[in-house]
N, C-alpha and C. Protein backbone atom coordinates (compact mmCIF):
# COMPACT_ATOMS: atom_id res chain seq x y z
N MET A 1 22.40 -39.00 121.56
CA MET A 1 23.37 -40.61 121.23
C MET A 1 23.21 -41.00 120.16
N GLU A 2 21.67 -41.51 119.76
CA GLU A 2 21.44 -42.39 118.37
C GLU A 2 21.95 -41.40 117.30
N ASP A 3 22.26 -40.36 117.30
CA ASP A 3 22.80 -39.37 115.95
C ASP A 3 24.09 -39.94 115.94
N LEU A 4 24.60 -40.33 116.93
CA LEU A 4 26.28 -40.46 116.63
C LEU A 4 26.40 -42.04 116.56
N VAL A 5 25.45 -42.63 116.99
CA VAL A 5 25.81 -43.96 116.87
C VAL A 5 25.09 -44.27 114.97
N THR A 6 24.75 -43.29 114.73
CA THR A 6 24.01 -43.42 113.50
C THR A 6 25.20 -42.99 112.66
N VAL A 7 25.96 -42.06 113.00
CA VAL A 7 26.86 -41.49 112.26
C VAL A 7 28.17 -42.31 112.18
N LEU A 8 28.55 -42.82 113.18
CA LEU A 8 29.64 -44.25 113.00
C LEU A 8 29.08 -45.29 112.44
N ARG A 9 27.61 -45.44 112.30
CA ARG A 9 27.75 -46.73 111.29
C ARG A 9 27.93 -46.19 109.75
N ILE A 10 27.95 -44.75 109.36
CA ILE A 10 27.62 -44.37 108.05
C ILE A 10 29.28 -44.12 107.88
N ILE A 11 30.05 -44.00 108.81
CA ILE A 11 31.74 -43.97 108.69
C ILE A 11 31.89 -45.43 108.24
N ALA A 12 31.46 -46.17 108.99
CA ALA A 12 31.96 -47.82 109.00
C ALA A 12 31.62 -48.34 107.73
N LYS A 13 30.47 -47.95 107.40
CA LYS A 13 30.23 -48.21 106.10
C LYS A 13 30.34 -48.12 104.64
N HIS A 14 31.09 -46.47 105.26
CA HIS A 14 32.09 -45.89 103.56
C HIS A 14 33.38 -45.68 103.92
N LYS A 15 34.02 -46.71 105.10
CA LYS A 15 35.42 -46.24 105.48
C LYS A 15 36.34 -46.48 104.11
N GLY A 16 36.20 -47.22 103.12
CA GLY A 16 36.96 -47.32 102.16
C GLY A 16 37.32 -45.95 101.46
N LYS A 17 35.93 -45.71 100.77
CA LYS A 17 35.90 -44.30 100.59
C LYS A 17 36.84 -42.86 100.84
N LEU A 18 36.47 -43.11 102.24
CA LEU A 18 36.55 -41.54 102.84
C LEU A 18 37.97 -41.99 103.18
N LEU A 19 38.72 -42.88 103.18
CA LEU A 19 39.94 -43.16 103.29
C LEU A 19 40.49 -42.53 102.28
N THR A 20 40.21 -43.15 101.38
CA THR A 20 40.71 -42.76 99.73
C THR A 20 40.63 -41.38 99.32
N LEU A 21 39.24 -40.93 99.71
CA LEU A 21 39.07 -39.60 99.34
C LEU A 21 40.05 -38.70 100.45
N GLY A 22 40.73 -38.94 101.72
CA GLY A 22 41.13 -38.34 102.50
C GLY A 22 42.80 -38.42 101.71
N LEU A 23 43.24 -39.65 101.56
CA LEU A 23 44.26 -39.83 100.96
C LEU A 23 44.97 -38.61 99.49
N VAL A 24 43.83 -38.94 98.74
CA VAL A 24 43.96 -38.38 97.50
C VAL A 24 44.33 -36.55 97.93
N VAL A 25 43.32 -36.40 98.58
CA VAL A 25 43.27 -34.79 99.08
C VAL A 25 44.69 -34.51 99.66
N GLY A 26 45.49 -35.39 100.32
CA GLY A 26 46.09 -35.14 101.16
C GLY A 26 47.79 -35.06 100.13
N VAL A 27 47.59 -35.88 99.09
CA VAL A 27 48.70 -36.07 98.24
C VAL A 27 48.64 -34.98 97.34
N VAL A 28 47.22 -34.34 97.14
CA VAL A 28 47.03 -33.30 96.25
C VAL A 28 47.68 -31.93 96.87
N LEU A 29 47.39 -31.68 98.36
CA LEU A 29 47.65 -30.38 98.84
C LEU A 29 49.67 -30.94 99.29
N PHE A 30 50.18 -31.85 99.27
CA PHE A 30 51.52 -32.26 99.70
C PHE A 30 52.35 -31.50 97.88
N LEU A 31 51.46 -31.74 97.27
CA LEU A 31 52.27 -32.25 95.90
C LEU A 31 52.37 -30.67 95.63
N TYR A 32 51.11 -29.73 95.86
CA TYR A 32 51.02 -28.51 95.23
C TYR A 32 51.52 -27.25 96.17
N GLY A 33 51.62 -27.76 97.48
CA GLY A 33 52.60 -26.91 98.03
C GLY A 33 53.88 -26.40 98.31
N GLY A 34 54.74 -25.74 98.82
CA GLY A 34 56.11 -26.17 98.61
C GLY A 34 56.53 -24.71 98.07
N ASP A 35 55.68 -23.81 97.51
CA ASP A 35 56.08 -22.27 96.88
C ASP A 35 56.77 -21.54 97.86
N ASN A 36 57.72 -21.80 98.68
CA ASN A 36 58.11 -20.51 99.51
C ASN A 36 58.63 -19.50 98.84
N LEU A 37 58.72 -18.29 99.50
CA LEU A 37 59.05 -16.91 99.14
C LEU A 37 60.50 -17.21 99.57
N LYS A 38 61.48 -16.63 98.82
CA LYS A 38 62.93 -16.95 99.07
C LYS A 38 63.50 -15.36 99.02
N TYR A 39 63.00 -14.46 97.70
CA TYR A 39 63.48 -13.08 98.14
C TYR A 39 62.69 -12.33 97.42
N ALA A 40 62.55 -11.15 97.59
CA ALA A 40 61.60 -10.12 96.55
C ALA A 40 62.74 -8.82 96.42
N GLY A 41 62.64 -9.02 95.19
CA GLY A 41 63.62 -7.68 95.10
C GLY A 41 62.76 -6.50 93.87
N CYS A 42 63.31 -5.09 93.91
CA CYS A 42 62.32 -4.11 93.40
C CYS A 42 63.41 -3.63 92.21
N SER A 43 62.87 -3.22 91.35
CA SER A 43 63.27 -2.38 90.27
C SER A 43 64.19 -1.54 90.58
N PRO A 44 65.18 -0.76 89.92
CA PRO A 44 66.10 0.53 89.77
C PRO A 44 65.32 1.58 90.71
N ASP A 45 63.93 1.88 90.00
CA ASP A 45 63.33 3.02 90.64
C ASP A 45 62.21 2.31 91.18
N ASP A 46 62.15 1.42 91.68
CA ASP A 46 61.09 0.69 92.81
C ASP A 46 59.64 0.99 92.32
N THR A 47 59.70 0.64 91.08
CA THR A 47 58.19 0.80 90.38
C THR A 47 57.58 -0.30 90.28
N TYR A 48 58.53 -1.81 89.94
CA TYR A 48 58.01 -3.31 89.79
C TYR A 48 58.80 -3.89 90.78
N ARG A 49 58.37 -5.42 91.18
CA ARG A 49 59.03 -5.90 92.30
C ARG A 49 58.74 -7.31 91.81
N LEU A 50 59.62 -7.97 91.68
CA LEU A 50 60.31 -9.20 91.38
C LEU A 50 60.51 -10.25 92.94
N GLU A 51 59.25 -10.84 92.61
CA GLU A 51 59.63 -12.27 93.99
C GLU A 51 60.06 -13.66 93.76
N TYR A 52 60.90 -13.85 93.94
CA TYR A 52 61.79 -15.46 93.96
C TYR A 52 60.66 -16.18 94.90
N TYR A 53 60.63 -17.31 93.92
CA TYR A 53 60.22 -18.65 95.00
C TYR A 53 60.81 -19.97 94.67
N ASP A 54 60.84 -20.73 95.68
CA ASP A 54 61.50 -21.96 95.33
C ASP A 54 60.12 -22.78 94.99
N ALA A 55 60.90 -23.37 93.72
CA ALA A 55 59.50 -24.51 92.96
C ALA A 55 58.51 -25.13 94.03
N ARG A 56 57.25 -25.39 93.49
CA ARG A 56 56.43 -26.19 94.74
C ARG A 56 56.75 -27.42 94.27
N ARG A 57 56.13 -28.56 94.80
CA ARG A 57 56.91 -30.00 95.04
C ARG A 57 56.86 -30.78 93.84
N TYR A 58 55.66 -30.64 93.03
CA TYR A 58 55.38 -31.06 91.83
C TYR A 58 56.32 -30.89 91.07
N GLN A 59 56.89 -29.40 90.81
CA GLN A 59 57.41 -28.90 89.69
C GLN A 59 58.87 -29.10 90.22
N ARG A 60 59.38 -29.75 91.46
CA ARG A 60 60.67 -29.93 91.84
C ARG A 60 60.72 -31.51 91.29
N LEU A 61 59.64 -32.58 91.13
CA LEU A 61 59.78 -33.78 90.55
C LEU A 61 59.89 -33.64 89.73
N LEU A 62 59.48 -32.78 88.93
CA LEU A 62 59.12 -32.68 87.09
C LEU A 62 60.74 -32.37 86.89
N ASN A 63 61.32 -31.29 87.72
CA ASN A 63 62.60 -30.52 86.96
C ASN A 63 63.33 -31.30 88.27
N SER A 64 63.74 -32.52 88.39
CA SER A 64 64.62 -33.01 89.16
C SER A 64 66.19 -32.96 88.61
N GLU A 65 66.27 -32.59 87.60
CA GLU A 65 67.91 -32.35 87.18
C GLU A 65 68.04 -31.22 87.64
N MET A 66 67.66 -30.12 87.48
CA MET A 66 67.80 -28.74 88.29
C MET A 66 68.34 -28.94 89.96
N GLU A 67 69.23 -28.22 90.04
CA GLU A 67 69.71 -28.29 91.34
C GLU A 67 68.78 -27.31 92.22
N ALA A 68 68.27 -25.92 91.94
CA ALA A 68 67.73 -25.11 92.61
C ALA A 68 66.55 -24.80 91.62
N PRO A 69 65.75 -25.59 91.52
CA PRO A 69 64.38 -25.15 90.62
C PRO A 69 63.70 -24.18 91.61
N SER A 70 63.29 -23.04 90.66
CA SER A 70 62.52 -21.89 91.52
C SER A 70 61.93 -21.06 90.19
N PHE A 71 60.91 -20.20 90.39
CA PHE A 71 60.09 -19.34 90.00
C PHE A 71 60.04 -18.09 90.15
N ALA A 72 59.85 -16.94 89.30
CA ALA A 72 59.91 -15.85 89.64
C ALA A 72 58.00 -15.21 89.29
N ARG A 73 57.66 -14.09 89.98
CA ARG A 73 56.60 -13.54 89.90
C ARG A 73 56.60 -11.67 89.92
N LEU A 74 56.15 -11.12 88.95
CA LEU A 74 56.34 -10.03 88.64
C LEU A 74 55.31 -8.99 88.81
N TYR A 75 55.34 -8.11 89.68
CA TYR A 75 54.44 -6.91 90.09
C TYR A 75 54.67 -5.58 89.74
N ARG A 76 54.04 -4.67 89.53
CA ARG A 76 53.91 -3.52 89.51
C ARG A 76 53.73 -2.93 91.26
N ASN A 77 54.51 -2.20 91.69
CA ASN A 77 54.51 -1.66 93.15
C ASN A 77 53.23 -0.87 93.54
N PHE A 78 53.10 0.19 92.80
CA PHE A 78 52.21 1.29 93.21
C PHE A 78 50.69 0.66 93.45
N ASP A 79 50.30 -0.07 92.44
CA ASP A 79 48.67 -0.80 92.44
C ASP A 79 48.60 -2.07 92.52
N ASN A 80 50.05 -2.90 92.68
CA ASN A 80 50.08 -4.15 93.02
C ASN A 80 49.62 -5.02 91.77
N LYS A 81 49.65 -4.42 90.81
CA LYS A 81 49.15 -5.27 89.57
C LYS A 81 50.20 -6.57 89.15
N TYR A 82 49.83 -7.75 88.91
CA TYR A 82 50.20 -8.60 88.75
C TYR A 82 50.32 -8.82 87.14
N PHE A 83 51.95 -9.49 86.90
CA PHE A 83 51.86 -9.29 85.62
C PHE A 83 52.36 -11.08 85.19
N GLY A 84 52.41 -11.65 86.16
CA GLY A 84 52.43 -13.08 85.72
C GLY A 84 53.32 -13.74 86.63
N GLU A 85 53.71 -15.27 86.39
CA GLU A 85 54.81 -16.32 86.90
C GLU A 85 55.49 -16.62 85.70
N SER A 86 56.70 -16.77 85.96
CA SER A 86 57.52 -17.74 84.94
C SER A 86 57.44 -19.02 85.29
N ASN A 87 57.99 -19.75 84.20
CA ASN A 87 58.28 -21.30 84.46
C ASN A 87 59.29 -21.46 85.20
N VAL A 88 59.72 -22.75 85.33
CA VAL A 88 60.59 -23.21 86.50
C VAL A 88 61.78 -22.97 85.84
N SER A 89 62.97 -22.46 86.47
CA SER A 89 64.22 -21.94 86.02
C SER A 89 65.27 -22.50 87.11
N ASP A 90 66.46 -23.15 86.86
CA ASP A 90 67.54 -23.28 87.68
C ASP A 90 68.12 -22.04 88.17
N PHE A 91 68.06 -21.75 89.28
CA PHE A 91 68.20 -20.50 89.88
C PHE A 91 70.08 -20.80 90.94
N PHE A 92 70.42 -22.04 90.21
CA PHE A 92 71.78 -22.59 91.08
C PHE A 92 73.00 -21.70 91.15
N GLY A 93 73.78 -21.05 91.60
CA GLY A 93 74.83 -20.47 91.68
C GLY A 93 74.90 -18.97 91.22
N GLY A 94 73.44 -18.33 92.02
CA GLY A 94 73.30 -16.80 91.39
C GLY A 94 72.80 -16.59 89.84
N ASN A 95 72.22 -17.69 89.28
CA ASN A 95 71.60 -17.39 88.29
C ASN A 95 70.34 -16.77 88.05
N ALA A 96 70.34 -15.80 88.75
CA ALA A 96 68.80 -14.99 88.62
C ALA A 96 69.05 -13.52 88.85
N ASP A 97 70.20 -13.20 87.99
CA ASP A 97 70.45 -11.73 87.95
C ASP A 97 69.42 -11.04 86.90
N THR A 98 69.07 -10.12 87.28
CA THR A 98 68.04 -9.30 86.88
C THR A 98 68.59 -8.16 85.76
N ILE A 99 67.93 -8.07 84.55
CA ILE A 99 68.10 -6.89 83.60
C ILE A 99 66.58 -6.30 83.59
N TRP A 100 66.34 -4.83 84.33
CA TRP A 100 65.15 -4.36 83.93
C TRP A 100 65.38 -3.29 82.97
N ASN A 101 64.75 -3.99 81.47
CA ASN A 101 65.00 -2.74 80.70
C ASN A 101 63.44 -2.44 80.10
N MET A 102 62.85 -1.98 80.69
CA MET A 102 61.53 -1.39 80.43
C MET A 102 61.49 0.05 79.51
N ALA A 103 62.44 0.65 79.67
CA ALA A 103 62.36 1.88 79.18
C ALA A 103 62.78 1.80 77.79
N ASN A 104 63.63 0.75 77.38
CA ASN A 104 63.88 0.49 75.98
C ASN A 104 63.55 -0.64 75.62
N THR A 105 62.94 -1.58 75.88
CA THR A 105 62.53 -2.46 75.11
C THR A 105 61.31 -3.55 75.94
N GLY A 106 60.86 -2.65 77.03
CA GLY A 106 59.70 -3.09 77.85
C GLY A 106 59.87 -4.83 78.30
N ASN A 107 61.34 -5.01 78.45
CA ASN A 107 61.33 -6.62 78.98
C ASN A 107 62.17 -6.66 80.15
N VAL A 108 61.70 -7.54 80.73
CA VAL A 108 62.28 -7.85 82.22
C VAL A 108 62.99 -9.21 82.09
N MET A 109 64.37 -9.29 82.45
CA MET A 109 65.02 -10.86 82.22
C MET A 109 65.72 -10.96 83.24
N VAL A 110 65.27 -12.18 83.61
CA VAL A 110 65.76 -12.70 85.03
C VAL A 110 66.83 -14.30 84.57
N GLY A 111 67.93 -13.94 85.06
CA GLY A 111 68.65 -15.07 84.75
C GLY A 111 69.13 -15.28 83.30
N GLN A 112 68.87 -16.74 82.90
CA GLN A 112 69.15 -17.04 81.46
C GLN A 112 67.90 -17.23 81.02
N GLY A 113 66.94 -17.71 81.68
CA GLY A 113 65.85 -18.35 80.76
C GLY A 113 64.36 -18.05 81.23
N ILE A 114 64.43 -16.68 82.08
CA ILE A 114 63.17 -16.02 81.96
C ILE A 114 63.03 -14.80 81.72
N LEU A 115 61.88 -14.46 80.81
CA LEU A 115 61.78 -13.08 79.82
C LEU A 115 60.28 -12.63 80.18
N PHE A 116 60.07 -11.83 80.84
CA PHE A 116 58.90 -10.79 80.97
C PHE A 116 58.92 -9.98 79.76
N GLU A 117 57.82 -9.83 79.19
CA GLU A 117 57.44 -9.15 77.67
C GLU A 117 56.43 -8.19 78.05
N ASN A 118 56.88 -7.28 76.88
CA ASN A 118 55.76 -6.07 77.16
C ASN A 118 55.57 -5.41 78.55
N ILE A 119 56.43 -5.20 79.33
CA ILE A 119 56.46 -4.30 80.43
C ILE A 119 56.39 -2.81 80.72
N PRO A 120 54.92 -2.17 80.62
CA PRO A 120 55.29 -0.60 80.40
C PRO A 120 55.94 0.10 81.21
N PRO A 121 57.09 0.96 80.93
CA PRO A 121 57.66 1.73 82.20
C PRO A 121 56.89 2.94 82.56
N VAL A 122 57.16 2.98 84.17
CA VAL A 122 56.36 3.96 84.97
C VAL A 122 57.25 4.82 85.14
N THR A 123 57.04 6.15 85.44
CA THR A 123 57.52 7.44 85.73
C THR A 123 57.17 7.71 87.35
N GLN A 124 57.75 8.37 87.66
CA GLN A 124 58.11 8.65 89.58
C GLN A 124 56.74 8.71 89.91
N ASP A 125 55.92 9.60 89.06
CA ASP A 125 54.35 10.54 89.76
C ASP A 125 53.43 9.33 89.26
N GLY A 126 54.01 7.82 88.77
CA GLY A 126 52.74 6.97 88.48
C GLY A 126 52.39 6.63 87.56
N VAL A 127 52.47 7.52 86.62
CA VAL A 127 52.06 7.25 85.12
C VAL A 127 52.42 6.26 84.51
N VAL A 128 51.78 5.62 83.62
CA VAL A 128 52.12 3.99 82.93
C VAL A 128 52.47 4.83 81.90
N LEU A 129 53.75 4.70 81.00
CA LEU A 129 54.22 5.11 79.67
C LEU A 129 53.80 4.31 78.47
N PRO A 130 53.96 4.53 77.74
CA PRO A 130 53.23 3.16 76.35
C PRO A 130 54.58 2.42 76.68
N ILE A 131 54.42 1.22 75.78
CA ILE A 131 55.48 0.32 75.89
C ILE A 131 56.14 0.41 74.92
N PRO A 132 57.24 0.48 74.80
CA PRO A 132 58.60 0.83 73.77
C PRO A 132 58.15 -0.05 72.58
N GLY A 133 58.45 0.54 71.22
CA GLY A 133 58.06 -0.09 70.34
C GLY A 133 56.79 -0.26 69.76
N THR A 134 55.86 0.21 70.54
CA THR A 134 54.40 0.23 69.76
C THR A 134 54.23 1.58 69.77
N ALA A 135 52.96 1.89 68.58
CA ALA A 135 52.46 2.46 67.88
C ALA A 135 51.85 3.79 68.97
N SER A 136 51.42 3.60 70.12
CA SER A 136 50.85 4.51 71.03
C SER A 136 51.77 5.08 71.18
N SER A 137 51.20 6.85 71.32
CA SER A 137 52.06 7.77 71.98
C SER A 137 51.28 8.44 73.12
N LYS A 138 50.60 8.22 73.84
CA LYS A 138 49.74 8.67 74.76
C LYS A 138 49.83 7.56 75.93
N PRO A 139 50.00 7.83 77.02
CA PRO A 139 50.28 6.74 78.38
C PRO A 139 49.08 5.94 78.04
N THR A 140 49.28 4.51 78.78
CA THR A 140 48.45 3.72 78.79
C THR A 140 48.02 3.09 80.37
N VAL A 141 46.87 2.89 80.47
CA VAL A 141 46.59 2.38 82.06
C VAL A 141 47.18 1.03 81.92
N GLU A 142 47.11 0.02 81.28
CA GLU A 142 47.34 -1.38 81.19
C GLU A 142 48.36 -1.62 80.00
N GLY A 143 49.30 -2.40 80.29
CA GLY A 143 50.20 -3.10 79.18
C GLY A 143 50.03 -4.48 78.93
N SER A 144 50.16 -4.61 77.68
CA SER A 144 50.08 -6.07 77.07
C SER A 144 51.05 -6.79 77.66
N VAL A 145 50.86 -7.91 78.68
CA VAL A 145 52.16 -8.26 79.06
C VAL A 145 51.98 -10.23 78.58
N GLY A 146 53.03 -10.36 78.28
CA GLY A 146 53.77 -11.79 77.98
C GLY A 146 54.60 -12.41 78.79
N LEU A 147 55.09 -13.22 78.89
CA LEU A 147 55.63 -14.14 79.20
C LEU A 147 56.22 -15.63 78.82
N THR A 148 57.47 -15.80 78.54
CA THR A 148 58.14 -16.78 77.81
C THR A 148 58.97 -16.91 78.82
N GLN A 149 59.66 -18.37 77.99
CA GLN A 149 61.20 -18.82 78.58
C GLN A 149 61.53 -19.59 77.34
């Protein structure tokens, strides 16, 4: 019983600090949360997967002029390799059409504002081919991946 009384005295003594800490943690969790998966789609040959997410709450506040702020993440299916996350873009009105152009340019374009660059094409056997336009002539294990908007 004495331990409980001691703990309550410590809490009473530092209640302002504890309340402030709790408030800060709550605000951070609220603002950083909210990236809900909307849709996941695969490339025509099912080797890559694009996941479309609603923007996080703080991203929605920063992009309040957008009607449907969203972002995309790109993965390779057979080994679940993560290639990156795009910047926030407005997907309002079906503006998230995807162009899978890995075989020719090594790019995946989502809508008008998202471009995943240097994505290596993959054969149906799971062999990662060199990125188009590079000097490498043998298949690579990992591609150099960039992300621009």
